[in-house]
Amino acid sequence: MSLRVGMVAGEPSGDLLAARVIQGIAQDVAGNHCEGIGGPAMQRQGFNAWHPMDALTVFGYVDALKRLPSLLATYANVKKRWLAQRPDVFVGVDAPDFNLRLELQLKQAGIPTVHFVGPSIWAWRYERIHKIREAVSHMLVLFPFEEELYQKEGVPVTYVGHPLAELIPMQSDRLSARRYLGVAPDARVLALMPGSRASEIKLLAPRFLQAVQLLNKQDPHLQVLVPMVNAARRTEFQALLRQYPIANCRIIEQAGPGQVVARPSAFTHNAAADGGVDTDAYFSARPAAWNVMQAADAVLVASGTATLEAALFKRPMVISYVLSPLMKRLMEWKSGQSRPYVPWVGLPNVLAGEFVVPELLQDDATPQALAEASWKALTDKPYAQQVAQRFVAIHESLSRDTPALAAQAIIQQARHGAA
């Protein structure tokens, strides 16, 4: 059978997830046609982008308000097109504010809807479950504990694992990444990851840099690697680096296209030495942040997906986040909460159900506290080994054939229609 799939992904992470799903569908269904809103990874899989992914990419509430007219116009356009030419199934990838509203309209019109990546209702605004139940025919979730949550609430759900657990090898060789980046094998290396948004760079980078200034007093030879997602973030970070200079700091940007769309084989030093792996091609095809984390001894990181990536690379980390007073008030107003339902914000700790790694948030994110926690992560080898063992268990729990599982659920919904 042929299959017509409507899809919307509005973030780079969603673009990669959706590209993997399109691959999975193509393996099971000949002549499928996927269209809607997406990014370059989806388009490389034959996706027909009516609107670019950037049409939905917003950074915080203020940016969302500024872009509201264009967001509403994009919403109206895709809704009209799909109601006029009905897809067999619609798949919304993350972007819950946009996708759940669209999914409700399409489902009410008899189009089956699948939502991939559950909103974090386990942490914020649990009452969204009622909207999800109304708008979504089937949920695809990334974390094992989410499956029971949705089952309890009567929402059809499939746990498909997290694609990052498939893309990041269970064992990664630190020396190979250092060789690619030109870092000495015996250096002490800290990955500094203050975030991908301008607001994160502004609020976190000064604290991170001041923490490194303190670390430099303990180890003047400490190597600091800072991955940057684009030129704009690099410019912002460099301005702060001039204000808070540190020794031995290198900014690492993406060397190649970053087309991480297939599971790599476990990469080992021996394989490279034997000529079995093109190391430059391997590393240039991955996000720069992955290469930095693989090369590092420890990671000082903004809360977000990067914390899960660091866990999958089995690196000890210090998680931090700081909101401006305005953003904090907006979050509290929108959620009706002053804090999450769970005691953790970092995904590794959420998945472990305890504080495996420290979280230093808001006023607790002082340079002194960040430096002390980072020094422990860098130098306490038994602690680092213990953390790595916990992260192996998390990696194993998240490792599934995500494209195949997601594709099977989507195809099943297309065949059976809206619930």
Protein backbone atom coordinates (compact mmCIF):
# COMPACT_ATOMS: atom_id res chain seq x y z
CA MET A 1 0.00 0.00 0.00
CA SER A 2 1.06 3.60 -0.52
CA LEU A 3 0.93 5.98 2.41
CA ARG A 4 0.46 9.73 2.63
CA VAL A 5 1.81 11.14 5.88
CA GLY A 6 1.49 14.67 7.19
CA MET A 7 4.34 15.64 9.48
CA VAL A 8 5.40 18.66 11.52
CA ALA A 9 8.77 19.06 13.25
CA GLY A 10 9.87 22.42 14.57
CA GLU A 11 13.28 21.94 16.19
CA PRO A 12 16.61 20.45 15.05
CA SER A 13 16.13 17.53 17.44
CA GLY A 14 12.66 16.92 16.02
CA ASP A 15 14.04 17.08 12.49
CA LEU A 16 16.48 14.25 13.28
CA LEU A 17 13.76 12.19 14.99
CA ALA A 18 11.36 12.65 12.09
CA ALA A 19 14.05 11.75 9.54
CA ARG A 20 14.58 8.45 11.32
CA VAL A 21 10.83 7.79 11.32
CA ILE A 22 10.62 8.51 7.58
CA GLN A 23 13.41 5.97 7.08
CA GLY A 24 11.46 3.41 9.09
CA ILE A 25 8.26 4.00 7.12
CA ALA A 26 10.14 3.67 3.81
CA GLN A 27 11.42 0.24 4.87
CA ASP A 28 7.86 -1.02 5.42
CA VAL A 29 5.83 0.87 2.82
CA ALA A 30 6.66 1.47 -0.82
CA GLY A 31 5.49 4.70 -2.40
CA ASN A 32 5.00 6.66 0.80
CA HIS A 33 4.76 10.43 0.59
CA CYS A 34 5.60 12.62 3.61
CA GLU A 35 4.90 16.36 3.60
CA GLY A 36 4.39 19.34 5.89
CA ILE A 37 6.87 21.28 8.03
CA GLY A 38 10.39 19.96 8.49
CA GLY A 39 14.11 20.48 8.26
CA PRO A 40 17.09 19.38 6.21
CA ALA A 41 17.44 15.90 7.72
CA MET A 42 13.82 15.13 6.78
CA GLN A 43 14.29 16.56 3.30
CA ARG A 44 17.30 14.30 2.76
CA GLN A 45 14.85 11.42 3.25
CA GLY A 46 12.55 12.74 0.52
CA PHE A 47 10.28 14.88 2.72
CA ASN A 48 8.30 17.59 0.88
CA ALA A 49 8.64 20.69 3.07
CA TRP A 50 5.76 23.12 2.57
CA HIS A 51 7.37 25.34 5.19
CA PRO A 52 10.89 25.20 6.64
CA MET A 53 11.42 23.99 10.19
CA ASP A 54 12.52 27.53 11.13
CA ALA A 55 8.90 28.65 10.72
CA LEU A 56 8.19 27.11 14.13
CA THR A 57 11.53 27.61 15.88
CA VAL A 58 11.07 30.10 18.69
CA PHE A 59 13.24 30.81 21.72
CA GLY A 60 11.13 31.52 24.76
CA TYR A 61 7.85 33.32 25.38
CA VAL A 62 8.96 36.75 24.20
CA ASP A 63 10.10 35.43 20.82
CA ALA A 64 6.85 33.45 20.51
CA LEU A 65 4.79 36.62 21.04
CA LYS A 66 6.81 38.51 18.43
CA ARG A 67 6.33 35.74 15.88
CA LEU A 68 2.70 35.00 16.69
CA PRO A 69 1.26 36.39 13.40
CA SER A 70 3.56 34.25 11.25
CA LEU A 71 2.97 31.19 13.45
CA LEU A 72 -0.79 31.61 13.12
CA ALA A 73 -0.49 32.03 9.34
CA THR A 74 1.60 28.85 9.06
CA TYR A 75 -0.87 26.96 11.24
CA ALA A 76 -3.83 28.09 9.15
CA ASN A 77 -2.07 27.15 5.91
CA VAL A 78 -1.16 23.57 6.84
CA LYS A 79 -4.51 22.94 8.51
CA LYS A 80 -6.38 24.09 5.39
CA ARG A 81 -4.23 21.97 3.08
CA TRP A 82 -4.59 18.80 5.15
CA LEU A 83 -8.33 19.18 5.59
CA ALA A 84 -8.65 19.67 1.81
CA GLN A 85 -6.31 16.79 0.91
CA ARG A 86 -6.49 14.41 3.81
CA PRO A 87 -3.38 12.44 4.75
CA ASP A 88 -3.68 8.82 5.83
CA VAL A 89 -2.11 9.80 9.15
CA PHE A 90 -0.63 12.89 10.76
CA VAL A 91 2.56 12.75 12.86
CA GLY A 92 3.42 15.68 15.11
CA VAL A 93 7.01 15.54 16.35
CA ASP A 94 7.44 17.42 19.64
CA ALA A 95 6.44 21.15 19.33
CA PRO A 96 3.39 20.46 21.55
CA ASP A 97 1.92 23.99 21.56
CA PHE A 98 1.63 23.90 17.77
CA ASN A 99 1.08 20.21 17.14
CA LEU A 100 -1.50 19.37 19.80
CA ARG A 101 -3.73 22.20 18.58
CA LEU A 102 -3.36 20.99 15.00
CA GLU A 103 -3.84 17.34 15.97
CA LEU A 104 -7.14 18.16 17.67
CA GLN A 105 -8.53 19.73 14.49
CA LEU A 106 -7.34 16.88 12.28
CA LYS A 107 -8.56 14.14 14.60
CA GLN A 108 -11.99 15.75 14.84
CA ALA A 109 -12.05 15.61 11.04
CA GLY A 110 -11.41 11.85 11.16
CA ILE A 111 -7.67 11.88 10.45
CA PRO A 112 -5.64 9.63 12.78
CA THR A 113 -3.01 11.54 14.72
CA VAL A 114 0.25 10.35 16.22
CA HIS A 115 2.30 12.50 18.57
CA PHE A 116 5.98 11.64 18.88
CA VAL A 117 7.82 12.85 22.01
CA GLY A 118 5.50 13.27 24.94
CA PRO A 119 5.35 16.70 26.60
CA SER A 120 6.97 16.60 30.02
CA ILE A 121 3.65 16.44 31.88
CA TRP A 122 5.44 14.37 34.52
CA ALA A 123 7.30 17.57 35.44
CA TRP A 124 5.10 20.49 34.39
CA ARG A 125 1.37 21.04 33.79
CA TYR A 126 0.02 17.52 34.20
CA GLU A 127 -3.44 18.81 33.31
CA ARG A 128 -2.31 18.78 29.64
CA ILE A 129 -3.13 15.06 29.67
CA HIS A 130 -6.78 15.93 28.98
CA LYS A 131 -5.86 17.86 25.82
CA ILE A 132 -3.56 15.04 24.74
CA ARG A 133 -6.30 12.44 25.22
CA GLU A 134 -8.65 14.51 23.09
CA ALA A 135 -6.18 15.36 20.32
CA VAL A 136 -3.98 12.27 19.92
CA SER A 137 -4.91 8.87 18.52
CA HIS A 138 -1.58 7.35 19.60
CA MET A 139 1.43 8.55 21.61
CA LEU A 140 5.01 7.56 20.87
CA VAL A 141 7.19 8.14 23.92
CA LEU A 142 10.96 8.20 24.41
CA PHE A 143 11.26 7.18 28.05
CA PRO A 144 10.09 3.91 29.64
CA PHE A 145 8.34 5.53 32.62
CA GLU A 146 6.11 7.55 30.27
CA GLU A 147 4.41 4.44 28.89
CA GLU A 148 2.81 3.57 32.23
CA LEU A 149 1.75 7.19 32.74
CA TYR A 150 -0.20 7.35 29.47
CA GLN A 151 -1.64 3.86 29.90
CA LYS A 152 -2.99 4.90 33.30
CA GLU A 153 -4.67 7.91 31.68
CA GLY A 154 -6.26 5.86 28.90
CA VAL A 155 -4.11 7.22 26.07
CA PRO A 156 -2.91 4.61 23.52
CA VAL A 157 0.88 4.62 23.73
CA THR A 158 4.01 2.86 22.48
CA TYR A 159 7.43 3.16 24.09
CA VAL A 160 9.85 3.35 21.15
CA GLY A 161 13.11 4.12 22.97
CA HIS A 162 15.28 7.16 22.41
CA PRO A 163 17.04 7.45 19.02
CA LEU A 164 20.12 8.94 20.67
CA ALA A 165 20.65 5.61 22.42
CA GLU A 166 20.87 3.98 19.01
CA LEU A 167 23.06 6.66 17.44
CA ILE A 168 25.60 6.99 20.27
CA PRO A 169 27.68 3.82 20.75
CA MET A 170 27.53 2.04 24.09
CA GLN A 171 31.33 2.33 24.25
CA SER A 172 33.08 5.37 22.81
CA ASP A 173 36.82 5.81 22.59
CA ARG A 174 38.06 9.01 24.23
CA LEU A 175 41.50 8.90 22.56
CA SER A 176 40.09 8.75 19.04
CA ALA A 177 38.02 11.88 19.64
CA ARG A 178 41.03 13.66 21.13
CA ARG A 179 43.16 12.71 18.15
CA TYR A 180 40.51 14.14 15.78
CA LEU A 181 40.26 17.37 17.79
CA GLY A 182 44.02 17.69 18.28
CA VAL A 183 43.91 17.27 22.07
CA ALA A 184 46.76 15.59 23.94
CA PRO A 185 45.92 12.04 25.09
CA ASP A 186 46.90 12.76 28.71
CA ALA A 187 45.28 16.21 29.01
CA ARG A 188 42.59 16.96 31.59
CA VAL A 189 39.63 18.12 29.51
CA LEU A 190 36.40 19.86 30.47
CA ALA A 191 33.53 20.21 27.99
CA LEU A 192 31.83 23.55 28.58
CA MET A 193 28.27 23.61 27.22
CA PRO A 194 26.33 26.73 28.22
CA GLY A 195 23.43 26.11 25.84
CA SER A 196 22.24 26.82 22.31
CA ARG A 197 20.02 29.85 22.95
CA ALA A 198 21.09 33.46 23.25
CA SER A 199 19.40 33.72 26.67
CA GLU A 200 21.32 30.68 27.91
CA ILE A 201 24.66 32.06 26.73
CA LYS A 202 23.88 35.39 28.40
CA LEU A 203 22.89 33.92 31.77
CA LEU A 204 24.99 30.75 32.05
CA ALA A 205 28.25 31.43 30.20
CA PRO A 206 29.53 34.11 32.64
CA ARG A 207 29.04 31.74 35.59
CA PHE A 208 30.64 28.87 33.69
CA LEU A 209 33.63 30.99 32.69
CA GLN A 210 34.13 32.30 36.21
CA ALA A 211 34.00 28.70 37.44
CA VAL A 212 36.74 27.78 34.96
CA GLN A 213 38.83 30.73 36.17
CA LEU A 214 38.72 29.09 39.61
CA LEU A 215 39.57 25.70 38.10
CA ASN A 216 42.56 27.25 36.32
CA LYS A 217 44.02 28.08 39.74
CA GLN A 218 43.95 24.36 40.58
CA ASP A 219 45.09 23.20 37.16
CA PRO A 220 46.61 25.87 34.87
CA HIS A 221 46.86 23.26 32.11
CA LEU A 222 43.14 22.35 32.10
CA GLN A 223 41.87 22.12 28.51
CA VAL A 224 38.41 23.58 27.89
CA LEU A 225 36.41 22.67 24.77
CA VAL A 226 33.29 24.66 23.94
CA PRO A 227 30.99 23.41 21.13
CA MET A 228 28.87 26.10 19.48
CA VAL A 229 25.79 25.44 17.36
CA ASN A 230 26.20 28.42 15.05
CA ALA A 231 28.12 31.61 14.35
CA ALA A 232 25.69 33.80 16.30
CA ARG A 233 26.18 31.83 19.51
CA ARG A 234 29.94 31.80 18.94
CA THR A 235 30.02 35.59 18.63
CA GLU A 236 28.02 35.98 21.84
CA PHE A 237 30.25 33.55 23.71
CA GLN A 238 33.46 35.15 22.46
CA ALA A 239 32.30 38.54 23.76
CA LEU A 240 31.86 37.01 27.21
CA LEU A 241 35.17 35.18 26.92
CA ARG A 242 36.91 38.52 26.49
CA GLN A 243 35.19 39.69 29.66
CA TYR A 244 36.03 36.51 31.60
CA PRO A 245 39.22 35.18 29.97
CA ILE A 246 40.32 31.63 30.65
CA ALA A 247 43.40 29.67 29.63
CA ASN A 248 43.50 26.85 27.06
CA CYS A 249 40.00 27.42 25.69
CA ARG A 250 38.97 26.23 22.22
CA ILE A 251 35.63 26.81 20.54
CA ILE A 252 34.60 23.85 18.38
CA GLU A 253 32.16 24.29 15.52
CA GLN A 254 30.57 21.76 13.20
CA ALA A 255 33.15 20.58 10.66
CA GLY A 256 30.76 18.94 8.22
CA PRO A 257 27.05 18.65 7.47
CA GLY A 258 26.25 16.73 10.65
CA GLN A 259 24.16 14.11 8.87
CA VAL A 260 23.83 11.66 11.75
CA VAL A 261 21.06 9.45 10.40
CA ALA A 262 22.38 5.90 10.73
CA ARG A 263 23.54 3.76 13.62
CA PRO A 264 27.35 3.74 13.81
CA SER A 265 29.28 0.66 14.65
CA ALA A 266 31.13 0.82 17.97
CA PHE A 267 34.16 2.96 17.24
CA THR A 268 37.40 1.79 18.79
CA HIS A 269 41.01 2.88 18.74
CA ASN A 270 42.03 -0.46 17.27
CA ALA A 271 39.60 -0.15 14.38
CA ALA A 272 41.05 3.23 13.51
CA ALA A 273 44.61 1.98 13.81
CA ASP A 274 43.81 -0.91 11.49
CA GLY A 275 42.41 1.44 8.88
CA GLY A 276 38.89 0.07 9.27
CA VAL A 277 37.30 3.45 9.97
CA ASP A 278 37.62 6.79 8.18
CA THR A 279 38.03 8.84 11.35
CA ASP A 280 37.66 12.27 9.74
CA ALA A 281 34.45 11.25 7.99
CA TYR A 282 33.11 9.60 11.14
CA PHE A 283 33.66 12.61 13.38
CA SER A 284 32.80 15.33 10.86
CA ALA A 285 29.43 13.66 10.25
CA ARG A 286 28.44 14.03 13.90
CA PRO A 287 27.41 17.08 15.93
CA ALA A 288 30.45 18.96 17.21
CA ALA A 289 29.08 18.63 20.75
CA TRP A 290 29.28 14.84 20.51
CA ASN A 291 32.95 14.95 19.57
CA VAL A 292 33.67 17.32 22.45
CA MET A 293 31.80 15.18 24.98
CA GLN A 294 33.55 12.03 23.77
CA ALA A 295 36.95 13.74 24.17
CA ALA A 296 36.17 15.18 27.61
CA ASP A 297 36.79 13.88 31.11
CA ALA A 298 33.77 15.76 32.43
CA VAL A 299 31.02 18.09 31.23
CA LEU A 300 29.64 21.36 32.64
CA VAL A 301 26.31 21.61 30.85
CA ALA A 302 23.05 23.52 30.62
CA SER A 303 19.99 21.44 31.43
CA GLY A 304 18.41 19.99 28.29
CA THR A 305 18.96 17.24 25.74
CA ALA A 306 22.73 17.72 26.02
CA THR A 307 22.60 16.20 29.51
CA LEU A 308 21.17 12.99 28.06
CA GLU A 309 23.85 12.99 25.35
CA ALA A 310 26.57 13.37 27.99
CA ALA A 311 25.05 10.46 29.91
CA LEU A 312 25.06 8.28 26.79
CA PHE A 313 28.75 9.12 26.39
CA LYS A 314 29.13 7.98 30.06
CA ARG A 315 30.69 11.25 31.18
CA PRO A 316 30.34 12.67 34.70
CA MET A 317 28.68 16.06 34.51
CA VAL A 318 27.47 19.07 36.42
CA ILE A 319 24.02 20.26 35.31
CA SER A 320 23.07 23.91 35.67
CA TYR A 321 20.40 26.34 34.57
CA VAL A 322 19.49 29.95 35.28
CA LEU A 323 16.32 31.78 34.26
CA SER A 324 15.94 35.53 34.25
CA PRO A 325 13.40 36.87 36.77
CA LEU A 326 10.99 37.65 33.92
CA MET A 327 11.28 34.18 32.37
CA LYS A 328 10.84 32.58 35.78
CA ARG A 329 7.65 34.56 36.40
CA LEU A 330 6.35 33.66 32.93
CA MET A 331 7.01 29.96 33.51
CA GLU A 332 5.32 30.05 36.90
CA TRP A 333 2.36 31.92 35.42
CA LYS A 334 1.96 29.55 32.48
CA SER A 335 2.39 26.35 34.51
CA GLY A 336 0.89 27.43 37.79
CA GLN A 337 3.94 25.86 39.46
CA SER A 338 7.00 27.27 41.15
CA ARG A 339 8.96 24.04 40.62
CA PRO A 340 8.64 20.70 38.73
CA TYR A 341 6.62 17.82 40.17
CA VAL A 342 9.81 15.77 40.33
CA PRO A 343 12.88 16.84 42.33
CA TRP A 344 15.21 16.76 39.31
CA VAL A 345 15.51 18.80 36.11
CA GLY A 346 18.35 16.90 34.39
CA LEU A 347 17.22 13.97 32.25
CA PRO A 348 19.91 11.59 33.58
CA ASN A 349 18.67 12.14 37.13
CA VAL A 350 15.02 11.90 36.07
CA LEU A 351 15.70 8.55 34.39
CA ALA A 352 17.72 7.27 37.34
CA GLY A 353 15.17 8.51 39.86
CA GLU A 354 17.88 10.08 42.00
CA PHE A 355 20.69 12.63 41.96
CA VAL A 356 23.36 10.65 40.11
CA VAL A 357 25.00 13.95 39.11
CA PRO A 358 24.68 17.37 40.76
CA GLU A 359 22.23 20.04 39.66
CA LEU A 360 23.07 23.66 40.43
CA LEU A 361 20.17 25.91 39.52
CA GLN A 362 19.36 29.61 39.84
CA ASP A 363 21.02 31.12 42.93
CA ASP A 364 22.84 27.84 43.65
CA ALA A 365 24.71 28.16 40.35
CA THR A 366 27.57 30.20 41.79
CA PRO A 367 31.01 30.05 40.17
CA GLN A 368 32.44 28.56 43.36
CA ALA A 369 29.84 25.78 43.55
CA LEU A 370 30.15 25.03 39.83
CA ALA A 371 33.95 24.88 40.13
CA GLU A 372 33.88 22.55 43.14
CA ALA A 373 31.41 20.13 41.51
CA SER A 374 33.31 20.22 38.20
CA TRP A 375 36.63 19.52 39.94
CA LYS A 376 35.16 16.42 41.54
CA ALA A 377 33.84 15.24 38.15
CA LEU A 378 37.26 15.87 36.57
CA THR A 379 39.48 14.29 39.22
CA ASP A 380 37.55 11.71 41.28
CA LYS A 381 38.09 8.55 39.19
CA PRO A 382 36.08 6.13 41.39
CA TYR A 383 33.17 8.59 41.32
CA ALA A 384 33.41 8.90 37.52
CA GLN A 385 33.39 5.11 37.14
CA GLN A 386 30.35 4.81 39.40
CA VAL A 387 28.50 7.45 37.37
CA ALA A 388 29.45 5.70 34.12
CA GLN A 389 27.99 2.42 35.38
CA ARG A 390 24.67 4.13 36.12
CA PHE A 391 24.70 5.66 32.66
CA VAL A 392 25.29 2.27 31.03
CA ALA A 393 22.04 1.07 32.64
CA ILE A 394 20.20 4.15 31.33
CA HIS A 395 21.64 3.61 27.85
CA GLU A 396 20.48 0.00 27.82
CA SER A 397 16.98 0.96 28.97
CA LEU A 398 16.64 3.52 26.15
CA SER A 399 18.07 1.37 23.39
CA ARG A 400 15.32 0.16 21.04
CA ASP A 401 14.82 -0.01 17.28
CA THR A 402 13.11 3.38 17.38
CA PRO A 403 12.52 3.89 13.62
CA ALA A 404 10.94 0.45 13.21
CA LEU A 405 8.75 0.70 16.32
CA ALA A 406 7.59 4.22 15.45
CA ALA A 407 6.90 3.30 11.82
CA GLN A 408 4.86 0.24 12.82
CA ALA A 409 2.66 2.32 15.14
CA ILE A 410 2.18 5.05 12.50
CA ILE A 411 1.29 2.56 9.76
CA GLN A 412 -1.16 0.82 12.08
CA GLN A 413 -2.92 4.11 12.80
CA ALA A 414 -3.11 4.90 9.09
CA ARG A 415 -4.78 1.55 8.43
CA HIS A 416 -7.30 1.76 11.25
CA GLY A 417 -8.22 5.44 11.12
CA ALA A 418 -8.79 7.95 13.91
CA ALA A 419 -9.83 6.53 17.27
